[in-house]
N, C-alpha and C. Protein backbone atom coordinates (compact mmCIF):
# COMPACT_ATOMS: atom_id res chain seq x y z
N MET A 1 17.74 -1.39 -7.68
CA MET A 1 17.07 -1.49 -8.97
C MET A 1 16.54 -2.97 -9.04
N ILE A 2 15.59 -3.16 -9.97
CA ILE A 2 15.01 -4.47 -10.12
C ILE A 2 16.06 -5.49 -10.49
N THR A 3 17.05 -5.12 -11.28
CA THR A 3 18.06 -6.03 -11.79
C THR A 3 19.02 -6.42 -10.66
N LYS A 4 19.02 -5.76 -9.51
CA LYS A 4 19.88 -6.14 -8.38
C LYS A 4 19.04 -6.73 -7.30
N SER A 5 18.92 -8.07 -7.36
CA SER A 5 17.99 -8.84 -6.51
C SER A 5 18.38 -8.73 -5.09
N LEU A 6 17.36 -8.47 -4.16
CA LEU A 6 17.56 -8.50 -2.71
C LEU A 6 16.62 -9.63 -2.15
N TYR A 7 16.17 -10.52 -2.95
CA TYR A 7 15.14 -11.46 -2.55
C TYR A 7 15.47 -12.28 -1.35
N SER A 8 16.80 -12.61 -1.18
CA SER A 8 17.15 -13.48 -0.11
C SER A 8 17.22 -12.83 1.28
N SER A 9 17.01 -11.43 1.25
CA SER A 9 17.12 -10.71 2.53
C SER A 9 15.81 -10.85 3.30
N ARG A 10 15.94 -11.19 4.59
CA ARG A 10 14.83 -11.33 5.48
C ARG A 10 14.10 -9.94 5.67
N ARG A 11 14.93 -8.89 5.70
CA ARG A 11 14.41 -7.54 5.89
C ARG A 11 13.48 -7.13 4.72
N VAL A 12 13.70 -7.69 3.56
CA VAL A 12 12.84 -7.40 2.45
C VAL A 12 11.48 -7.99 2.54
N TRP A 13 11.42 -9.23 3.05
CA TRP A 13 10.17 -9.99 3.10
C TRP A 13 9.37 -9.88 4.41
N LEU A 14 10.02 -9.59 5.52
CA LEU A 14 9.35 -9.67 6.80
C LEU A 14 8.20 -8.63 6.93
N PRO A 15 8.36 -7.35 6.65
CA PRO A 15 7.25 -6.42 6.72
C PRO A 15 6.10 -6.84 5.91
N PRO A 16 6.25 -7.04 4.57
CA PRO A 16 5.06 -7.39 3.81
C PRO A 16 4.48 -8.73 4.21
N ALA A 17 5.33 -9.67 4.61
CA ALA A 17 4.78 -11.00 5.07
C ALA A 17 3.91 -10.77 6.33
N THR A 18 4.31 -9.90 7.22
CA THR A 18 3.55 -9.63 8.37
C THR A 18 2.17 -8.99 8.03
N LEU A 19 2.21 -8.08 7.08
CA LEU A 19 0.95 -7.49 6.57
C LEU A 19 0.05 -8.53 5.95
N MET A 20 0.64 -9.47 5.19
CA MET A 20 -0.15 -10.53 4.61
C MET A 20 -0.79 -11.41 5.68
N LEU A 21 -0.04 -11.75 6.73
CA LEU A 21 -0.57 -12.48 7.84
C LEU A 21 -1.72 -11.80 8.51
N LEU A 22 -1.58 -10.52 8.72
CA LEU A 22 -2.68 -9.75 9.36
C LEU A 22 -3.89 -9.76 8.51
N MET A 23 -3.73 -9.59 7.21
CA MET A 23 -4.91 -9.70 6.30
C MET A 23 -5.52 -11.08 6.32
N LEU A 24 -4.78 -12.09 6.48
CA LEU A 24 -5.33 -13.45 6.57
C LEU A 24 -6.10 -13.56 7.82
N LEU A 25 -5.54 -13.11 8.97
CA LEU A 25 -6.29 -13.21 10.25
C LEU A 25 -7.61 -12.51 10.18
N VAL A 26 -7.63 -11.29 9.59
CA VAL A 26 -8.89 -10.57 9.46
C VAL A 26 -9.91 -11.36 8.61
N GLU A 27 -9.45 -12.00 7.48
CA GLU A 27 -10.34 -12.67 6.61
C GLU A 27 -10.89 -13.97 7.29
N LEU A 28 -10.13 -14.51 8.20
CA LEU A 28 -10.62 -15.71 8.95
C LEU A 28 -11.84 -15.39 9.72
N PHE A 29 -12.04 -14.13 10.09
CA PHE A 29 -13.22 -13.74 10.89
C PHE A 29 -14.48 -13.57 9.97
N GLY A 30 -14.33 -13.63 8.69
CA GLY A 30 -15.47 -13.67 7.70
C GLY A 30 -16.27 -12.39 7.84
N ASP A 31 -17.61 -12.56 7.77
CA ASP A 31 -18.52 -11.41 7.75
C ASP A 31 -18.38 -10.59 8.97
N ALA A 32 -18.17 -11.21 10.12
CA ALA A 32 -18.08 -10.44 11.41
C ALA A 32 -16.90 -9.50 11.34
N GLY A 33 -15.74 -9.94 10.76
CA GLY A 33 -14.60 -9.17 10.67
C GLY A 33 -14.79 -8.01 9.68
N ARG A 34 -15.46 -8.26 8.56
CA ARG A 34 -15.80 -7.23 7.61
C ARG A 34 -16.68 -6.14 8.19
N ALA A 35 -17.71 -6.58 8.88
CA ALA A 35 -18.62 -5.63 9.52
C ALA A 35 -17.96 -4.73 10.55
N ALA A 36 -17.02 -5.33 11.28
CA ALA A 36 -16.35 -4.57 12.38
C ALA A 36 -15.27 -3.55 11.84
N LEU A 37 -14.68 -3.89 10.66
CA LEU A 37 -13.54 -3.14 10.27
C LEU A 37 -13.74 -2.34 8.97
N ALA A 38 -14.74 -2.62 8.17
CA ALA A 38 -14.90 -2.01 6.84
C ALA A 38 -15.02 -0.47 6.94
N PHE A 39 -14.56 0.15 5.87
CA PHE A 39 -14.87 1.57 5.69
C PHE A 39 -16.38 1.63 5.46
N ASP A 40 -17.02 2.30 6.41
CA ASP A 40 -18.52 2.41 6.37
C ASP A 40 -18.81 3.88 6.61
N ARG A 41 -19.32 4.58 5.61
CA ARG A 41 -19.54 6.03 5.66
C ARG A 41 -20.42 6.40 6.87
N GLY A 42 -21.45 5.66 7.06
CA GLY A 42 -22.36 6.00 8.21
C GLY A 42 -21.71 5.83 9.55
N GLN A 43 -20.93 4.73 9.74
CA GLN A 43 -20.28 4.50 10.99
C GLN A 43 -19.17 5.49 11.19
N ILE A 44 -18.47 5.82 10.18
CA ILE A 44 -17.41 6.88 10.29
C ILE A 44 -18.03 8.18 10.76
N ALA A 45 -19.15 8.59 10.14
CA ALA A 45 -19.79 9.81 10.44
C ALA A 45 -20.27 9.84 11.95
N ALA A 46 -20.51 8.59 12.49
CA ALA A 46 -20.96 8.43 13.78
C ALA A 46 -19.81 8.39 14.77
N GLY A 47 -18.55 8.51 14.34
CA GLY A 47 -17.42 8.64 15.17
C GLY A 47 -16.42 7.48 15.15
N GLU A 48 -16.73 6.42 14.34
CA GLU A 48 -15.82 5.31 14.19
C GLU A 48 -14.65 5.57 13.20
N TRP A 49 -13.86 6.51 13.54
CA TRP A 49 -12.80 6.94 12.54
C TRP A 49 -11.75 5.88 12.28
N TYR A 50 -11.61 4.86 13.18
CA TYR A 50 -10.62 3.85 12.95
C TYR A 50 -10.88 3.17 11.66
N ARG A 51 -12.08 3.20 11.11
CA ARG A 51 -12.42 2.51 9.83
C ARG A 51 -11.71 3.08 8.64
N PHE A 52 -11.18 4.35 8.71
CA PHE A 52 -10.35 4.88 7.71
C PHE A 52 -9.11 3.98 7.50
N LEU A 53 -8.64 3.41 8.57
CA LEU A 53 -7.47 2.58 8.49
C LEU A 53 -7.77 1.11 8.34
N THR A 54 -8.71 0.62 9.16
CA THR A 54 -8.94 -0.83 9.14
C THR A 54 -9.68 -1.37 7.92
N GLY A 55 -10.36 -0.48 7.23
CA GLY A 55 -11.06 -0.95 6.06
C GLY A 55 -10.17 -1.56 5.02
N ASN A 56 -8.91 -1.16 4.99
CA ASN A 56 -7.97 -1.72 4.05
C ASN A 56 -7.57 -3.18 4.33
N LEU A 57 -7.73 -3.58 5.59
CA LEU A 57 -7.34 -4.96 5.99
C LEU A 57 -8.37 -5.98 5.72
N ALA A 58 -9.63 -5.55 5.48
CA ALA A 58 -10.72 -6.51 5.23
C ALA A 58 -10.98 -6.66 3.78
N HIS A 59 -11.60 -7.78 3.34
CA HIS A 59 -11.88 -8.05 1.91
C HIS A 59 -13.26 -8.62 1.76
N LEU A 60 -13.72 -8.61 0.50
CA LEU A 60 -15.04 -9.15 0.23
C LEU A 60 -15.19 -10.66 0.30
N GLY A 61 -14.10 -11.29 0.20
CA GLY A 61 -14.07 -12.73 0.25
C GLY A 61 -12.72 -13.28 0.00
N TRP A 62 -12.56 -14.62 -0.06
CA TRP A 62 -11.25 -15.18 -0.23
C TRP A 62 -10.59 -14.89 -1.51
N TYR A 63 -11.34 -14.80 -2.59
CA TYR A 63 -10.71 -14.48 -3.92
C TYR A 63 -10.20 -13.04 -3.92
N HIS A 64 -10.92 -12.15 -3.37
CA HIS A 64 -10.56 -10.77 -3.24
C HIS A 64 -9.22 -10.63 -2.35
N TRP A 65 -9.27 -11.41 -1.27
CA TRP A 65 -8.10 -11.49 -0.40
C TRP A 65 -6.85 -12.01 -1.09
N PHE A 66 -7.04 -13.07 -1.89
CA PHE A 66 -6.00 -13.72 -2.62
C PHE A 66 -5.30 -12.77 -3.58
N LEU A 67 -6.17 -12.01 -4.32
CA LEU A 67 -5.60 -11.06 -5.25
C LEU A 67 -4.68 -9.99 -4.59
N ASN A 68 -5.04 -9.51 -3.48
CA ASN A 68 -4.22 -8.57 -2.83
C ASN A 68 -3.01 -9.16 -2.14
N GLU A 69 -3.12 -10.41 -1.66
CA GLU A 69 -1.96 -11.07 -1.25
C GLU A 69 -0.96 -11.24 -2.31
N LEU A 70 -1.46 -11.66 -3.48
CA LEU A 70 -0.60 -11.81 -4.64
C LEU A 70 0.04 -10.53 -5.03
N GLY A 71 -0.71 -9.46 -4.92
CA GLY A 71 -0.22 -8.12 -5.26
C GLY A 71 0.95 -7.70 -4.40
N LEU A 72 0.96 -8.08 -3.13
CA LEU A 72 2.08 -7.86 -2.20
C LEU A 72 3.29 -8.64 -2.58
N VAL A 73 3.07 -9.91 -2.97
CA VAL A 73 4.25 -10.72 -3.40
C VAL A 73 4.84 -10.11 -4.66
N VAL A 74 4.06 -9.70 -5.66
CA VAL A 74 4.62 -9.11 -6.87
C VAL A 74 5.34 -7.78 -6.53
N LEU A 75 4.78 -7.03 -5.55
CA LEU A 75 5.42 -5.82 -5.13
C LEU A 75 6.90 -6.05 -4.68
N VAL A 76 7.04 -7.09 -3.82
CA VAL A 76 8.39 -7.43 -3.32
C VAL A 76 9.30 -7.90 -4.48
N LEU A 77 8.75 -8.69 -5.44
CA LEU A 77 9.57 -9.18 -6.50
C LEU A 77 10.03 -8.10 -7.47
N LEU A 78 9.19 -7.05 -7.65
CA LEU A 78 9.58 -5.93 -8.53
C LEU A 78 10.28 -4.81 -7.77
N CYS A 79 10.02 -4.68 -6.50
CA CYS A 79 10.54 -3.53 -5.74
C CYS A 79 11.17 -4.06 -4.44
N PRO A 80 12.21 -4.94 -4.47
CA PRO A 80 12.73 -5.39 -3.28
C PRO A 80 13.55 -4.35 -2.52
N GLU A 81 12.97 -3.89 -1.41
CA GLU A 81 13.60 -2.80 -0.60
C GLU A 81 13.73 -3.30 0.90
N ALA A 82 14.88 -3.20 1.45
CA ALA A 82 15.09 -3.50 2.88
C ALA A 82 14.79 -2.24 3.70
N LEU A 83 13.51 -2.02 3.81
CA LEU A 83 13.04 -0.82 4.52
C LEU A 83 12.95 -1.09 6.01
N PRO A 84 13.32 -0.06 6.81
CA PRO A 84 13.09 -0.18 8.30
C PRO A 84 11.61 -0.29 8.56
N TRP A 85 11.28 -0.92 9.68
CA TRP A 85 9.83 -1.09 10.15
C TRP A 85 9.20 0.26 10.16
N ARG A 86 9.81 1.30 10.72
CA ARG A 86 9.18 2.59 10.88
C ARG A 86 8.80 3.14 9.54
N VAL A 87 9.56 2.91 8.50
CA VAL A 87 9.23 3.35 7.16
C VAL A 87 8.03 2.61 6.62
N TRP A 88 7.94 1.32 6.78
CA TRP A 88 6.88 0.50 6.33
C TRP A 88 5.54 0.92 7.02
N LEU A 89 5.64 1.10 8.30
CA LEU A 89 4.38 1.52 9.01
C LEU A 89 3.97 2.93 8.62
N ARG A 90 4.88 3.77 8.43
CA ARG A 90 4.51 5.20 8.06
C ARG A 90 3.87 5.15 6.65
N ARG A 91 4.47 4.36 5.74
CA ARG A 91 3.89 4.28 4.42
C ARG A 91 2.43 3.71 4.43
N LEU A 92 2.29 2.68 5.23
CA LEU A 92 1.00 2.03 5.26
C LEU A 92 -0.09 2.95 5.85
N ILE A 93 0.25 3.63 6.93
CA ILE A 93 -0.68 4.52 7.61
C ILE A 93 -0.99 5.73 6.69
N TRP A 94 0.01 6.34 6.10
CA TRP A 94 -0.22 7.46 5.19
C TRP A 94 -1.07 7.10 4.05
N LEU A 95 -0.68 6.01 3.32
CA LEU A 95 -1.47 5.61 2.18
C LEU A 95 -2.92 5.20 2.57
N SER A 96 -3.05 4.46 3.61
CA SER A 96 -4.36 3.98 4.07
C SER A 96 -5.29 5.23 4.36
N LEU A 97 -4.81 6.07 5.26
CA LEU A 97 -5.58 7.24 5.67
C LEU A 97 -5.78 8.25 4.52
N GLY A 98 -4.74 8.45 3.72
CA GLY A 98 -4.85 9.39 2.56
C GLY A 98 -5.90 8.89 1.57
N MET A 99 -5.84 7.64 1.23
CA MET A 99 -6.71 7.09 0.24
C MET A 99 -8.16 7.09 0.69
N THR A 100 -8.44 6.58 1.87
CA THR A 100 -9.81 6.52 2.40
C THR A 100 -10.37 7.85 2.69
N ALA A 101 -9.52 8.76 3.18
CA ALA A 101 -9.99 10.12 3.34
C ALA A 101 -10.48 10.81 2.04
N CYS A 102 -9.75 10.55 0.94
CA CYS A 102 -10.15 11.00 -0.34
C CYS A 102 -11.48 10.36 -0.79
N LEU A 103 -11.57 9.12 -0.47
CA LEU A 103 -12.87 8.40 -0.84
C LEU A 103 -14.05 9.10 -0.06
N TYR A 104 -13.79 9.36 1.17
CA TYR A 104 -14.81 9.89 2.04
C TYR A 104 -15.21 11.35 1.51
N LEU A 105 -14.22 12.11 1.14
CA LEU A 105 -14.44 13.47 0.73
C LEU A 105 -14.96 13.64 -0.67
N PHE A 106 -14.44 12.83 -1.58
CA PHE A 106 -14.62 13.10 -3.00
C PHE A 106 -15.50 12.11 -3.74
N VAL A 107 -15.84 10.96 -3.05
CA VAL A 107 -16.80 9.97 -3.67
C VAL A 107 -17.92 9.76 -2.70
N PRO A 108 -18.83 10.70 -2.65
CA PRO A 108 -19.89 10.66 -1.59
C PRO A 108 -20.82 9.52 -1.87
N ASP A 109 -20.92 8.96 -3.03
CA ASP A 109 -21.87 7.89 -3.28
C ASP A 109 -21.27 6.54 -2.87
N LEU A 110 -19.97 6.51 -2.43
CA LEU A 110 -19.41 5.23 -2.03
C LEU A 110 -19.63 5.09 -0.50
N HIS A 111 -20.46 4.16 -0.12
CA HIS A 111 -20.82 3.98 1.25
C HIS A 111 -20.01 2.99 2.06
N ASN A 112 -19.52 2.00 1.32
CA ASN A 112 -18.75 0.91 1.92
C ASN A 112 -17.51 0.57 1.04
N TYR A 113 -16.47 0.26 1.78
CA TYR A 113 -15.22 -0.11 0.98
C TYR A 113 -14.39 -1.06 1.85
N VAL A 114 -13.85 -2.07 1.20
CA VAL A 114 -12.87 -2.92 1.83
C VAL A 114 -11.81 -3.27 0.78
N GLY A 115 -10.59 -3.56 1.29
CA GLY A 115 -9.52 -3.99 0.37
C GLY A 115 -8.26 -3.20 0.49
N MET A 116 -7.17 -3.84 0.11
CA MET A 116 -5.83 -3.30 0.23
C MET A 116 -5.33 -2.76 -1.12
N SER A 117 -6.18 -2.89 -2.18
CA SER A 117 -5.59 -2.66 -3.53
C SER A 117 -5.24 -1.20 -3.72
N GLY A 118 -6.00 -0.22 -3.12
CA GLY A 118 -5.62 1.21 -3.27
C GLY A 118 -4.25 1.46 -2.65
N VAL A 119 -4.00 0.85 -1.50
CA VAL A 119 -2.70 1.04 -0.78
C VAL A 119 -1.60 0.37 -1.55
N ILE A 120 -1.89 -0.86 -2.12
CA ILE A 120 -0.89 -1.54 -2.89
C ILE A 120 -0.44 -0.75 -4.15
N HIS A 121 -1.44 -0.06 -4.87
CA HIS A 121 -1.07 0.68 -5.94
C HIS A 121 -0.15 1.83 -5.48
N GLY A 122 -0.42 2.44 -4.31
CA GLY A 122 0.51 3.42 -3.82
C GLY A 122 1.93 2.90 -3.51
N LEU A 123 1.95 1.67 -2.91
CA LEU A 123 3.23 1.10 -2.60
C LEU A 123 4.05 0.78 -3.81
N PHE A 124 3.35 0.40 -4.94
CA PHE A 124 4.07 0.19 -6.22
C PHE A 124 4.76 1.51 -6.66
N VAL A 125 3.99 2.66 -6.60
CA VAL A 125 4.60 3.91 -7.02
C VAL A 125 5.84 4.24 -6.16
N LEU A 126 5.76 4.04 -4.87
CA LEU A 126 6.85 4.33 -3.96
C LEU A 126 8.06 3.40 -4.24
N GLY A 127 7.78 2.22 -4.66
CA GLY A 127 8.83 1.27 -4.95
C GLY A 127 9.47 1.43 -6.35
N LEU A 128 8.63 1.85 -7.29
CA LEU A 128 9.14 1.97 -8.68
C LEU A 128 9.80 3.31 -9.00
N MET A 129 9.32 4.39 -8.39
CA MET A 129 9.81 5.74 -8.77
C MET A 129 11.33 5.85 -8.50
N PRO A 130 11.85 5.40 -7.39
CA PRO A 130 13.35 5.52 -7.23
C PRO A 130 14.13 4.79 -8.31
N GLN A 131 13.57 3.68 -8.76
CA GLN A 131 14.23 2.90 -9.85
C GLN A 131 14.06 3.62 -11.12
N VAL A 132 12.98 4.28 -11.40
CA VAL A 132 12.77 5.02 -12.61
C VAL A 132 13.75 6.15 -12.74
N LEU A 133 13.96 6.85 -11.60
CA LEU A 133 14.89 7.93 -11.56
C LEU A 133 16.34 7.51 -11.71
N LYS A 134 16.64 6.17 -11.57
CA LYS A 134 17.91 5.67 -11.82
C LYS A 134 17.97 5.08 -13.24
N ARG A 135 16.94 5.33 -14.05
CA ARG A 135 16.89 5.00 -15.43
C ARG A 135 16.78 3.46 -15.63
N ASP A 136 16.08 2.81 -14.75
CA ASP A 136 15.73 1.43 -14.89
C ASP A 136 14.57 1.30 -15.88
N LEU A 137 14.80 0.78 -17.02
CA LEU A 137 13.75 0.70 -18.05
C LEU A 137 12.60 -0.24 -17.66
N ILE A 138 12.96 -1.32 -16.94
CA ILE A 138 11.90 -2.28 -16.56
C ILE A 138 10.97 -1.57 -15.60
N ALA A 139 11.55 -0.83 -14.69
CA ALA A 139 10.68 -0.13 -13.68
C ALA A 139 9.86 0.94 -14.37
N LEU A 140 10.47 1.63 -15.34
CA LEU A 140 9.70 2.68 -16.13
C LEU A 140 8.51 2.00 -16.81
N GLY A 141 8.74 0.86 -17.49
CA GLY A 141 7.60 0.16 -18.11
C GLY A 141 6.51 -0.24 -17.17
N CYS A 142 6.90 -0.74 -15.92
CA CYS A 142 5.91 -1.13 -14.95
C CYS A 142 5.12 0.09 -14.50
N LEU A 143 5.82 1.20 -14.26
CA LEU A 143 5.15 2.41 -13.79
C LEU A 143 4.21 2.96 -14.85
N LEU A 144 4.62 2.93 -16.08
CA LEU A 144 3.70 3.44 -17.15
C LEU A 144 2.51 2.53 -17.32
N TYR A 145 2.70 1.22 -17.13
CA TYR A 145 1.54 0.29 -17.23
C TYR A 145 0.58 0.57 -16.06
N LEU A 146 1.13 0.80 -14.88
CA LEU A 146 0.28 1.07 -13.70
C LEU A 146 -0.52 2.35 -13.90
N LEU A 147 0.11 3.42 -14.36
CA LEU A 147 -0.61 4.67 -14.54
C LEU A 147 -1.63 4.59 -15.72
N GLY A 148 -1.16 3.86 -16.78
CA GLY A 148 -2.15 3.64 -17.87
C GLY A 148 -3.38 2.86 -17.45
N LYS A 149 -3.15 1.83 -16.64
CA LYS A 149 -4.26 1.00 -16.12
C LYS A 149 -5.23 1.89 -15.31
N ILE A 150 -4.69 2.70 -14.47
CA ILE A 150 -5.58 3.56 -13.66
C ILE A 150 -6.35 4.56 -14.51
N GLY A 151 -5.69 5.10 -15.47
CA GLY A 151 -6.32 6.02 -16.41
C GLY A 151 -7.47 5.33 -17.19
N TRP A 152 -7.22 4.12 -17.62
CA TRP A 152 -8.29 3.39 -18.31
C TRP A 152 -9.42 3.01 -17.34
N GLU A 153 -9.08 2.63 -16.14
CA GLU A 153 -10.18 2.34 -15.21
C GLU A 153 -11.05 3.58 -14.92
N LEU A 154 -10.43 4.73 -14.79
CA LEU A 154 -11.23 5.93 -14.51
C LEU A 154 -12.10 6.32 -15.74
N TYR A 155 -11.65 5.95 -16.94
CA TYR A 155 -12.39 6.21 -18.18
C TYR A 155 -13.45 5.22 -18.43
N ALA A 156 -13.13 3.96 -18.35
CA ALA A 156 -14.04 2.87 -18.77
C ALA A 156 -14.60 2.10 -17.59
N GLY A 157 -14.06 2.26 -16.42
CA GLY A 157 -14.53 1.41 -15.30
C GLY A 157 -13.79 0.12 -15.26
N ALA A 158 -13.96 -0.64 -14.23
CA ALA A 158 -13.44 -1.98 -14.02
C ALA A 158 -14.17 -2.96 -14.94
N ALA A 159 -13.46 -4.05 -15.28
CA ALA A 159 -14.08 -5.09 -16.10
C ALA A 159 -15.21 -5.77 -15.27
N VAL A 160 -16.29 -6.10 -15.94
CA VAL A 160 -17.42 -6.70 -15.32
C VAL A 160 -17.00 -8.10 -14.79
N SER A 161 -16.08 -8.77 -15.45
CA SER A 161 -15.61 -10.05 -14.97
C SER A 161 -14.86 -9.93 -13.64
N ASP A 162 -14.11 -8.79 -13.46
CA ASP A 162 -13.43 -8.66 -12.25
C ASP A 162 -14.39 -8.43 -11.11
N GLU A 163 -15.45 -7.68 -11.35
CA GLU A 163 -16.43 -7.39 -10.27
C GLU A 163 -17.18 -8.69 -9.95
N ALA A 164 -17.46 -9.50 -10.93
CA ALA A 164 -18.12 -10.80 -10.69
C ALA A 164 -17.22 -11.69 -9.89
N ALA A 165 -15.97 -11.65 -10.10
CA ALA A 165 -15.04 -12.58 -9.49
C ALA A 165 -14.89 -12.23 -7.94
N ILE A 166 -14.81 -10.98 -7.67
CA ILE A 166 -14.61 -10.59 -6.25
C ILE A 166 -15.93 -10.46 -5.46
N GLY A 167 -17.06 -10.38 -6.20
CA GLY A 167 -18.31 -10.33 -5.55
C GLY A 167 -18.75 -8.92 -5.17
N GLY A 168 -18.26 -7.89 -5.88
CA GLY A 168 -18.70 -6.52 -5.58
C GLY A 168 -18.11 -5.58 -6.55
N ARG A 169 -18.47 -4.28 -6.39
CA ARG A 169 -17.98 -3.29 -7.36
C ARG A 169 -16.51 -2.98 -7.04
N VAL A 170 -15.73 -2.85 -8.07
CA VAL A 170 -14.33 -2.49 -7.91
C VAL A 170 -14.26 -0.95 -7.77
N ALA A 171 -13.82 -0.51 -6.64
CA ALA A 171 -13.77 0.91 -6.38
C ALA A 171 -12.43 1.48 -7.02
N THR A 172 -12.53 1.72 -8.31
CA THR A 172 -11.30 2.18 -9.05
C THR A 172 -10.78 3.46 -8.56
N GLU A 173 -11.66 4.28 -7.91
CA GLU A 173 -11.20 5.55 -7.30
C GLU A 173 -10.19 5.27 -6.23
N SER A 174 -10.21 4.13 -5.57
CA SER A 174 -9.21 3.81 -4.56
C SER A 174 -7.81 3.74 -5.12
N HIS A 175 -7.73 3.10 -6.34
CA HIS A 175 -6.45 2.94 -7.00
C HIS A 175 -5.89 4.31 -7.32
N PHE A 176 -6.75 5.21 -7.85
CA PHE A 176 -6.29 6.53 -8.21
C PHE A 176 -5.83 7.30 -7.01
N PHE A 177 -6.62 7.31 -5.95
CA PHE A 177 -6.28 8.05 -4.75
C PHE A 177 -5.03 7.44 -3.99
N GLY A 178 -4.84 6.13 -4.13
CA GLY A 178 -3.68 5.50 -3.54
C GLY A 178 -2.46 5.97 -4.21
N VAL A 179 -2.53 6.20 -5.57
CA VAL A 179 -1.35 6.70 -6.28
C VAL A 179 -1.12 8.16 -5.99
N VAL A 180 -2.19 8.97 -5.81
CA VAL A 180 -2.03 10.35 -5.49
C VAL A 180 -1.39 10.51 -4.12
N ALA A 181 -1.90 9.63 -3.16
CA ALA A 181 -1.30 9.70 -1.84
C ALA A 181 0.18 9.31 -1.83
N ALA A 182 0.54 8.42 -2.70
CA ALA A 182 1.90 7.96 -2.85
C ALA A 182 2.86 9.04 -3.29
N PHE A 183 2.39 9.71 -4.37
CA PHE A 183 3.20 10.83 -4.93
C PHE A 183 3.34 11.96 -3.84
N ALA A 184 2.31 12.15 -3.06
CA ALA A 184 2.38 13.18 -2.03
C ALA A 184 3.34 12.74 -0.97
N TYR A 185 3.30 11.51 -0.61
CA TYR A 185 4.18 10.91 0.38
C TYR A 185 5.64 11.00 -0.08
N GLY A 186 5.90 10.60 -1.30
CA GLY A 186 7.21 10.66 -1.85
C GLY A 186 7.84 12.03 -1.83
N LEU A 187 7.02 13.05 -2.10
CA LEU A 187 7.52 14.44 -2.12
C LEU A 187 7.84 14.89 -0.64
N VAL A 188 6.92 14.51 0.26
CA VAL A 188 7.17 15.00 1.65
C VAL A 188 8.36 14.26 2.29
N PHE A 189 8.49 12.95 2.12
CA PHE A 189 9.57 12.21 2.79
C PHE A 189 10.75 11.93 1.87
N ARG A 190 10.80 12.46 0.68
CA ARG A 190 11.87 12.32 -0.22
C ARG A 190 12.15 10.90 -0.54
N SER A 191 11.09 10.07 -0.73
CA SER A 191 11.21 8.68 -0.97
C SER A 191 11.84 8.40 -2.41
N PHE A 192 11.55 9.24 -3.32
CA PHE A 192 11.90 8.96 -4.69
C PHE A 192 13.42 9.10 -4.87
N THR A 193 14.09 9.82 -4.04
CA THR A 193 15.57 9.98 -4.13
C THR A 193 16.24 8.83 -3.38
N GLY A 194 15.48 8.04 -2.65
CA GLY A 194 16.10 6.91 -1.91
C GLY A 194 16.59 7.33 -0.52
N ARG A 195 16.42 8.61 -0.14
CA ARG A 195 16.91 9.03 1.20
C ARG A 195 16.11 8.48 2.32
N GLU A 196 14.77 8.29 2.10
CA GLU A 196 13.96 7.76 3.16
C GLU A 196 14.36 6.43 3.68
N ALA A 197 14.71 5.60 2.75
CA ALA A 197 15.08 4.19 3.11
C ALA A 197 16.33 4.00 3.85
N LEU A 198 17.14 5.15 3.92
CA LEU A 198 18.40 5.04 4.65
C LEU A 198 18.17 4.97 6.13
N ALA A 199 18.63 4.00 6.82
CA ALA A 199 18.49 3.95 8.29
C ALA A 199 19.42 4.98 8.89
N PRO A 200 18.98 5.63 10.01
CA PRO A 200 19.87 6.61 10.57
C PRO A 200 21.17 6.10 11.06
N ALA A 201 22.18 6.78 10.75
CA ALA A 201 23.51 6.27 11.16
C ALA A 201 23.69 6.27 12.65
N ALA A 202 24.31 5.21 13.08
CA ALA A 202 24.57 5.07 14.54
C ALA A 202 25.55 6.12 14.94
N VAL A 203 25.25 6.74 16.05
CA VAL A 203 26.14 7.75 16.65
C VAL A 203 27.12 7.08 17.49
N PRO A 204 28.44 7.21 17.22
CA PRO A 204 29.45 6.50 18.04
C PRO A 204 29.48 7.13 19.42
N ALA A 205 29.67 6.24 20.40
CA ALA A 205 29.73 6.66 21.77
C ALA A 205 31.04 7.39 22.05
N PRO A 206 30.94 8.50 22.78
CA PRO A 206 32.18 9.25 23.00
C PRO A 206 33.20 8.43 23.78
N GLN A 207 34.47 8.52 23.44
CA GLN A 207 35.49 7.84 24.10
C GLN A 207 36.03 8.59 25.30
N THR A 208 36.06 8.04 26.45
CA THR A 208 36.51 8.73 27.64
C THR A 208 37.90 8.21 28.00
N SER A 209 38.82 9.10 28.18
CA SER A 209 40.17 8.63 28.63
C SER A 209 40.22 8.71 30.12
N HIS A 210 40.89 7.67 30.64
CA HIS A 210 41.01 7.58 32.10
C HIS A 210 42.48 7.74 32.47
N THR A 211 42.71 8.46 33.48
CA THR A 211 44.15 8.57 33.97
C THR A 211 44.19 8.15 35.37
N SER A 212 45.31 7.58 35.68
CA SER A 212 45.52 7.13 37.10
C SER A 212 46.59 7.87 37.74
């Protein structure tokens, strides 16, 4: 739960910190990195399917990158989970591919996309839902705010000031599809009950008796 802090655990911070470092490295390549990795509908149709995944690592600029880095820090502060690496990777891949695939299929007028925000919205759902089911009122408030924010974005669109700050259109559909992908993931892998985060128990080695 949020009230039971795990912030001092290296296992809590290491996976998201690694993702933050990877996003930093991509941003250091500037326009060349964006061009090579961005979700680009034309390039994907031409066979560059890796862009379904890599488009989430690139950003429109340093301010856009900073917002998503900050989002990952807030994620850890609100949802400190000591997840195994395999779980982190599985979540990232599922959310990234699920969200961008939905953009490709259901938002045909969206030709280019970069950013981690859709995935981060999904990660918040996966982190908050187990706490909500344990009746954590802080987590419930955060989840309701997140869902309300997405609903408002779908109705009214993103604030003009936000788009001016990041230097491009905010693809609010990515936030929605990131949350949809997260709920699907949670149901498939039973994340909301906390079972997914449990590391497999070590199997004790059989004891062999020796006689002389």
